[in-house]
Structure formats: C-alpha cells, structure tokens
Protein backbone atom coordinates (compact mmCIF):
# COMPACT_ATOMS: atom_id res chain seq x y z
CA MET A 1 183.26 40.83 129.93
CA LYS A 2 181.12 43.09 127.18
CA LYS A 3 179.75 45.28 129.57
CA LEU A 4 182.88 45.39 130.77
CA ILE A 5 183.79 46.84 127.59
CA LEU A 6 181.26 49.23 127.62
CA LEU A 7 182.30 50.37 131.08
CA LEU A 8 185.21 51.09 130.51
CA VAL A 9 185.03 52.57 126.81
CA PHE A 10 182.29 54.85 128.62
CA ALA A 11 184.33 55.91 131.89
CA LEU A 12 187.34 57.08 128.84
CA ALA A 13 185.08 59.37 127.08
CA GLY A 14 183.86 60.30 130.31
CA ALA A 15 187.37 61.29 130.98
CA PHE A 16 188.71 62.96 127.29
CA ALA A 17 185.19 64.96 127.54
CA ALA A 18 186.01 66.42 131.03
CA SER A 19 189.05 67.48 129.36
CA ALA A 20 188.44 68.49 126.22
CA GLN A 21 188.31 72.46 126.66
CA THR A 22 191.96 72.83 129.10
CA VAL A 23 194.38 75.26 127.76
CA TYR A 24 197.71 76.29 127.88
CA SER A 25 198.82 79.19 126.69
CA ALA A 26 202.09 79.35 124.93
CA GLN A 27 204.84 81.97 125.20
CA TYR A 28 205.27 81.51 121.26
CA LYS A 29 203.63 81.74 118.61
CA SER A 30 204.94 78.37 116.94
CA ASP A 31 203.77 75.97 119.96
CA ALA A 32 200.26 77.40 119.31
CA ASP A 33 197.47 75.27 117.72
CA VAL A 34 195.02 78.17 117.79
CA LYS A 35 195.99 81.43 117.73
CA VAL A 36 193.64 83.65 119.85
CA TYR A 37 192.32 87.32 119.87
CA VAL A 38 190.72 88.36 123.36
CA THR A 39 188.13 91.91 122.12
CA GLN A 40 186.65 94.07 124.19
CA TYR A 41 182.75 93.55 122.84
CA LYS A 42 180.43 89.92 123.41
CA SER A 43 179.58 90.44 119.98
CA ASP A 44 182.66 90.88 117.84
CA ALA A 45 183.37 87.38 119.30
CA ASP A 46 183.61 83.73 117.43
CA LEU A 47 183.35 81.87 120.95
CA VAL A 48 182.45 83.37 124.91
CA VAL A 49 185.43 82.17 127.57
CA TYR A 50 184.08 81.83 131.33
CA LYS A 51 187.45 80.40 133.39
CA CYS A 52 186.90 78.03 135.56
CA SER A 53 188.85 77.42 138.61
CA TYR A 54 188.58 73.66 137.94
CA LYS A 55 189.42 71.76 135.69
CA SER A 56 186.59 69.25 136.27
CA ASP A 57 184.53 72.58 135.01
CA ALA A 58 186.11 72.57 131.77
CA GLN A 59 183.68 70.10 129.99
CA ASP A 60 183.33 69.84 126.06
CA ASN A 61 183.03 71.95 123.28
CA LYS A 62 181.07 74.62 125.49
CA GLY A 63 183.22 77.61 126.19
CA LEU A 64 183.99 76.87 129.56
CA TRP A 65 188.44 76.62 129.74
CA TYR A 66 190.92 75.64 132.62
CA PHE A 67 194.10 77.57 132.29
CA ALA A 68 197.07 74.38 132.44
CA GLN A 69 199.68 75.35 134.11
CA TYR A 70 201.91 72.70 131.88
CA LYS A 71 202.07 72.19 128.43
CA SER A 72 201.30 68.96 128.53
CA ASP A 73 197.90 68.35 130.89
CA ALA A 74 196.37 70.82 128.32
CA LYS A 75 194.18 69.28 125.07
CA LYS A 76 194.40 72.63 123.38
CA VAL A 77 197.78 75.23 123.13
CA ILE A 78 197.03 78.83 122.30
CA TYR A 79 198.66 81.53 121.92
CA PHE A 80 197.23 85.33 122.19
CA VAL A 81 197.81 87.57 119.88
CA ASP A 82 197.68 91.55 119.13
CA TYR A 83 195.96 92.12 116.47
CA LYS A 84 192.80 90.66 115.22
CA SER A 85 193.70 89.23 111.76
CA ASP A 86 196.13 87.50 113.21
CA ALA A 87 193.96 85.74 115.13
CA ASP A 88 192.45 81.75 113.77
CA LEU A 89 189.78 82.52 116.77
CA VAL A 90 188.35 85.84 118.40
CA ILE A 91 187.38 85.28 122.59
CA TYR A 92 185.59 87.53 124.72
CA PHE A 93 186.42 86.30 128.37
CA SER A 94 183.01 86.52 130.16
CA GLU A 95 182.84 86.66 134.22
CA TYR A 96 179.95 84.61 133.69
CA LYS A 97 179.31 80.98 133.28
CA SER A 98 176.35 81.38 132.09
CA ASP A 99 177.18 83.76 129.07
CA ALA A 100 180.53 80.71 127.82
CA GLY A 101 179.32 79.37 124.44
CA TRP A 102 180.12 79.51 120.75
CA ARG A 103 178.76 82.71 118.25
CA ASN A 104 180.24 81.48 115.29
CA ASN A 105 179.54 77.88 114.95
CA SER A 106 181.87 77.57 111.66
CA LYS A 107 185.01 77.95 113.91
CA LYS A 108 183.92 75.25 116.47
CA HIS A 109 186.38 72.56 114.98
CA LEU A 110 189.25 74.86 116.83
CA MET A 111 188.93 73.55 119.57
CA TYR A 112 188.42 69.98 119.54
C-alpha cells in the first residue's frame, strides 16, 4: 500500500513538473500573473526562453516554454508589455534550446 501511494505521489509530481512552463499569453494586463518584456539582446534578459513545439518538452523552470491555446491549460498567464519599465520579467527568445535558462536567479520565483 505504501509503495502504491509513493508511486502515485511521484507520478503526480512528474506531471506537475512537465507542465510547469506552460504559459498563456493574455490579451489584458489585468489577467496576467507576470508582465513580460521581450528584449532584443540576450545580455539584457533575466531569462532566455526557447519556445517548445510540444507541451511535453516544457519542463521545470528552465526557460522552455510551451504556449497553450487556452488559459485553463497554462501554469502561468503572461502579458507582453511594450516598455521594459512596466515588466516583472525581461526575456529573450532564443532559436536554440540549449541557450534557455535563467540569467537572473532572483526573478526565478515569478515562474513557479
């Protein structure tokens, strides 16, 4: 019985971690959990993000984002702002999965 419960706990934890970076882009700032600014320069970013094609690729809090079609499918709701000063988080979109990751660990809590 204990083994079954432990197995269930680990399975649920794995399912949660797999969807941790599933995001939804809101139309309105008031709907967002995090306000995001996209910079043109990797050196200015708090987080380097790689857009995943599949939800299963978006794992943990490593900058691998999958954009959900529906708000209810997302772990975090984000809103893209026009000005860096309005943002909670500054990101840079990379073409390479290996570039994804945090550059400013003090903002990591925003995406948990």
